[in-house]
Amino acid sequence: MMRTTLYGSASMQGMKIILNYSYMVCPGEKIYDCKRQLLAIQDTLDILGGKWKVTILGCLAMGEKRFMDLQRELAGIGPKMLSRELHELEVNSLIQKNEEGKYMMTEYSASLKPVIEVLAAWGAQHRVKVMSMQ
């Protein structure tokens, strides 16, 4: 499934961008065009940046959770910060709250699950490497 987005910034006014789950393709451009790749990375970091957003999504990737469940599982996050991060994720259509009051990933954010799994695997591997150096 592909999604088309029209960017409204002055530098990209009216440029048609086709997003594919595996990579970004700009019509008439090579896929590895550095500027476009860096722009896509920056767009992603603008939405997922910060200490908690990816962690919250990682927690929700394992199933829906109530606010207190998230706070309990995400050691170190305060209720104000969790509330703010959840709000930002909702605004960006990455999570939603169901009628039972549980937060869950949206169909849109489900495409991030493989990315979250790769980050978790890399983090586990890195932790082993760091621990072996001590």
C-alpha atoms as a PDB file:
ATOM      1  CA  MET A   1       0.000   0.000   0.000  1.00  0.00           C
ATOM      2  CA  MET A   2       1.347   3.428  -0.944  1.00  0.00           C
ATOM      3  CA  ARG A   3       0.416   6.895   0.231  1.00  0.00           C
ATOM      4  CA  THR A   4       0.888  10.171  -1.607  1.00  0.00           C
ATOM      5  CA  THR A   5       1.684  13.363   0.269  1.00  0.00           C
ATOM      6  CA  LEU A   6       1.866  16.910  -1.020  1.00  0.00           C
ATOM      7  CA  TYR A   7       4.318  19.033   0.916  1.00  0.00           C
ATOM      8  CA  GLY A   8       3.405  22.686   1.351  1.00  0.00           C
ATOM      9  CA  SER A   9       6.767  24.199   2.296  1.00  0.00           C
ATOM     10  CA  ALA A  10       8.241  26.831  -0.010  1.00  0.00           C
ATOM     11  CA  SER A  11      11.156  24.607  -0.991  1.00  0.00           C
ATOM     12  CA  MET A  12       8.911  21.688  -1.901  1.00  0.00           C
ATOM     13  CA  GLN A  13       5.758  23.563  -2.992  1.00  0.00           C
ATOM     14  CA  GLY A  14       3.482  21.183  -4.856  1.00  0.00           C
ATOM     15  CA  MET A  15       6.091  18.401  -5.107  1.00  0.00           C
ATOM     16  CA  LYS A  16       4.421  15.020  -5.175  1.00  0.00           C
ATOM     17  CA  ILE A  17       6.104  12.509  -2.878  1.00  0.00           C
ATOM     18  CA  ILE A  18       5.148   8.841  -2.970  1.00  0.00           C
ATOM     19  CA  LEU A  19       5.811   7.010   0.277  1.00  0.00           C
ATOM     20  CA  ASN A  20       6.285   3.276   0.193  1.00  0.00           C
ATOM     21  CA  TYR A  21       6.660   1.139   3.328  1.00  0.00           C
ATOM     22  CA  SER A  22      10.247   0.253   2.467  1.00  0.00           C
ATOM     23  CA  TYR A  23      11.593   3.560   1.086  1.00  0.00           C
ATOM     24  CA  MET A  24      10.756   6.985  -0.247  1.00  0.00           C
ATOM     25  CA  VAL A  25      10.642   7.535  -3.988  1.00  0.00           C
ATOM     26  CA  CYS A  26      10.522  10.990  -5.537  1.00  0.00           C
ATOM     27  CA  PRO A  27       9.375  10.822  -9.172  1.00  0.00           C
ATOM     28  CA  GLY A  28      12.315  11.487 -11.471  1.00  0.00           C
ATOM     29  CA  GLU A  29      14.914  11.190  -8.690  1.00  0.00           C
ATOM     30  CA  LYS A  30      17.238   8.423  -7.559  1.00  0.00           C
ATOM     31  CA  ILE A  31      16.209   6.782  -4.301  1.00  0.00           C
ATOM     32  CA  TYR A  32      19.558   7.408  -2.631  1.00  0.00           C
ATOM     33  CA  ASP A  33      19.525  11.151  -3.255  1.00  0.00           C
ATOM     34  CA  CYS A  34      21.145  12.357  -0.031  1.00  0.00           C
ATOM     35  CA  LYS A  35      19.087  15.519   0.466  1.00  0.00           C
ATOM     36  CA  ARG A  36      15.808  13.686   0.082  1.00  0.00           C
ATOM     37  CA  GLN A  37      16.919  10.867   2.366  1.00  0.00           C
ATOM     38  CA  LEU A  38      18.040  13.331   5.024  1.00  0.00           C
ATOM     39  CA  LEU A  39      14.750  15.219   4.721  1.00  0.00           C
ATOM     40  CA  ALA A  40      12.823  11.984   5.219  1.00  0.00           C
ATOM     41  CA  ILE A  41      14.944  11.119   8.262  1.00  0.00           C
ATOM     42  CA  GLN A  42      14.387  14.598   9.711  1.00  0.00           C
ATOM     43  CA  ASP A  43      10.626  14.326   9.134  1.00  0.00           C
ATOM     44  CA  THR A  44      10.633  11.016  11.007  1.00  0.00           C
ATOM     45  CA  LEU A  45      12.677  12.403  13.890  1.00  0.00           C
ATOM     46  CA  ASP A  46      10.384  15.435  14.132  1.00  0.00           C
ATOM     47  CA  ILE A  47       7.467  13.093  14.826  1.00  0.00           C
ATOM     48  CA  LEU A  48       9.249  10.365  16.830  1.00  0.00           C
ATOM     49  CA  GLY A  49      11.986  12.437  18.467  1.00  0.00           C
ATOM     50  CA  GLY A  50      12.453  12.727  22.180  1.00  0.00           C
ATOM     51  CA  LYS A  51      13.202  10.326  24.960  1.00  0.00           C
ATOM     52  CA  TRP A  52       9.832   8.572  25.227  1.00  0.00           C
ATOM     53  CA  LYS A  53       7.861   8.384  21.964  1.00  0.00           C
ATOM     54  CA  VAL A  54       9.540   5.331  20.455  1.00  0.00           C
ATOM     55  CA  THR A  55       9.545   3.642  23.873  1.00  0.00           C
ATOM     56  CA  ILE A  56       5.809   4.283  24.245  1.00  0.00           C
ATOM     57  CA  LEU A  57       5.190   2.895  20.759  1.00  0.00           C
ATOM     58  CA  GLY A  58       7.356  -0.122  21.606  1.00  0.00           C
ATOM     59  CA  CYS A  59       5.233  -0.758  24.670  1.00  0.00           C
ATOM     60  CA  LEU A  60       1.995  -0.364  22.702  1.00  0.00           C
ATOM     61  CA  ALA A  61       3.322  -2.619  19.932  1.00  0.00           C
ATOM     62  CA  MET A  62       2.893  -5.454  22.435  1.00  0.00           C
ATOM     63  CA  GLY A  63      -0.766  -4.590  22.971  1.00  0.00           C
ATOM     64  CA  GLU A  64      -3.137  -1.915  24.176  1.00  0.00           C
ATOM     65  CA  LYS A  65      -2.510  -0.394  27.597  1.00  0.00           C
ATOM     66  CA  ARG A  66      -4.157   1.996  30.039  1.00  0.00           C
ATOM     67  CA  PHE A  67      -2.392   5.184  31.137  1.00  0.00           C
ATOM     68  CA  MET A  68      -1.369   3.709  34.508  1.00  0.00           C
ATOM     69  CA  ASP A  69      -0.082   0.519  32.831  1.00  0.00           C
ATOM     70  CA  LEU A  70       2.118   2.628  30.569  1.00  0.00           C
ATOM     71  CA  GLN A  71       3.400   4.684  33.490  1.00  0.00           C
ATOM     72  CA  ARG A  72       4.212   1.510  35.434  1.00  0.00           C
ATOM     73  CA  GLU A  73       6.028  -0.118  32.486  1.00  0.00           C
ATOM     74  CA  LEU A  74       7.928   3.010  31.441  1.00  0.00           C
ATOM     75  CA  ALA A  75      10.113   3.450  34.512  1.00  0.00           C
ATOM     76  CA  GLY A  76      11.151   7.048  35.015  1.00  0.00           C
ATOM     77  CA  ILE A  77       8.410   8.849  33.092  1.00  0.00           C
ATOM     78  CA  GLY A  78       6.217  11.228  35.057  1.00  0.00           C
ATOM     79  CA  PRO A  79       2.478  11.552  34.516  1.00  0.00           C
ATOM     80  CA  LYS A  80       2.757  15.025  32.922  1.00  0.00           C
ATOM     81  CA  MET A  81       5.409  13.871  30.458  1.00  0.00           C
ATOM     82  CA  LEU A  82       3.481  10.695  29.618  1.00  0.00           C
ATOM     83  CA  SER A  83       0.313  12.711  29.072  1.00  0.00           C
ATOM     84  CA  ARG A  84       2.136  15.162  26.780  1.00  0.00           C
ATOM     85  CA  GLU A  85       3.830  12.408  24.763  1.00  0.00           C
ATOM     86  CA  LEU A  86       0.564  10.473  24.376  1.00  0.00           C
ATOM     87  CA  HIS A  87      -1.158  13.657  23.200  1.00  0.00           C
ATOM     88  CA  GLU A  88       1.550  14.313  20.586  1.00  0.00           C
ATOM     89  CA  LEU A  89       1.365  10.722  19.363  1.00  0.00           C
ATOM     90  CA  GLU A  90      -2.432  11.048  19.086  1.00  0.00           C
ATOM     91  CA  VAL A  91      -2.158  14.344  17.186  1.00  0.00           C
ATOM     92  CA  ASN A  92       0.148  12.621  14.689  1.00  0.00           C
ATOM     93  CA  SER A  93      -2.313   9.695  14.316  1.00  0.00           C
ATOM     94  CA  LEU A  94       0.178   7.172  15.693  1.00  0.00           C
ATOM     95  CA  ILE A  95      -1.967   6.083  18.632  1.00  0.00           C
ATOM     96  CA  GLN A  96      -5.599   6.247  19.638  1.00  0.00           C
ATOM     97  CA  LYS A  97      -7.595   5.734  22.805  1.00  0.00           C
ATOM     98  CA  ASN A  98     -10.410   3.226  22.569  1.00  0.00           C
ATOM     99  CA  GLU A  99     -13.771   3.371  24.353  1.00  0.00           C
ATOM    100  CA  GLU A 100     -12.341   1.311  27.245  1.00  0.00           C
ATOM    101  CA  GLY A 101      -9.742   4.004  27.899  1.00  0.00           C
ATOM    102  CA  LYS A 102      -6.840   1.958  26.533  1.00  0.00           C
ATOM    103  CA  TYR A 103      -4.188   3.360  24.226  1.00  0.00           C
ATOM    104  CA  MET A 104      -3.255   1.425  21.118  1.00  0.00           C
ATOM    105  CA  MET A 105      -1.257   1.837  17.938  1.00  0.00           C
ATOM    106  CA  THR A 106      -3.196   2.894  14.856  1.00  0.00           C
ATOM    107  CA  GLU A 107      -3.176   1.115  11.530  1.00  0.00           C
ATOM    108  CA  TYR A 108      -0.968   3.983  10.300  1.00  0.00           C
ATOM    109  CA  SER A 109       1.665   3.403  12.995  1.00  0.00           C
ATOM    110  CA  ALA A 110       1.664  -0.380  12.546  1.00  0.00           C
ATOM    111  CA  SER A 111       4.258   0.117   9.792  1.00  0.00           C
ATOM    112  CA  LEU A 112       6.663   1.226  12.544  1.00  0.00           C
ATOM    113  CA  LYS A 113       6.609  -2.180  14.273  1.00  0.00           C
ATOM    114  CA  PRO A 114       9.486  -3.617  12.179  1.00  0.00           C
ATOM    115  CA  VAL A 115      11.533  -0.483  12.894  1.00  0.00           C
ATOM    116  CA  ILE A 116      10.850  -0.823  16.628  1.00  0.00           C
ATOM    117  CA  GLU A 117      11.836  -4.501  16.525  1.00  0.00           C
ATOM    118  CA  VAL A 118      15.130  -3.663  14.766  1.00  0.00           C
ATOM    119  CA  LEU A 119      15.860  -0.903  17.292  1.00  0.00           C
ATOM    120  CA  ALA A 120      15.175  -3.323  20.167  1.00  0.00           C
ATOM    121  CA  ALA A 121      17.423  -6.005  18.649  1.00  0.00           C
ATOM    122  CA  TRP A 122      20.229  -3.508  18.034  1.00  0.00           C
ATOM    123  CA  GLY A 123      19.864  -2.138  21.574  1.00  0.00           C
ATOM    124  CA  ALA A 124      20.066  -5.614  23.088  1.00  0.00           C
ATOM    125  CA  GLN A 125      23.140  -6.417  20.999  1.00  0.00           C
ATOM    126  CA  HIS A 126      24.756  -3.110  21.957  1.00  0.00           C
ATOM    127  CA  ARG A 127      24.065  -3.721  25.664  1.00  0.00           C
ATOM    128  CA  VAL A 128      25.850  -7.093  25.431  1.00  0.00           C
ATOM    129  CA  LYS A 129      28.801  -5.432  23.694  1.00  0.00           C
ATOM    130  CA  VAL A 130      29.058  -2.680  26.298  1.00  0.00           C
ATOM    131  CA  MET A 131      28.724  -5.116  29.195  1.00  0.00           C
ATOM    132  CA  SER A 132      31.466  -7.342  27.744  1.00  0.00           C
ATOM    133  CA  MET A 133      33.859  -4.368  27.627  1.00  0.00           C
ATOM    134  CA  GLN A 134      33.609  -3.793  31.398  1.00  0.00           C
END
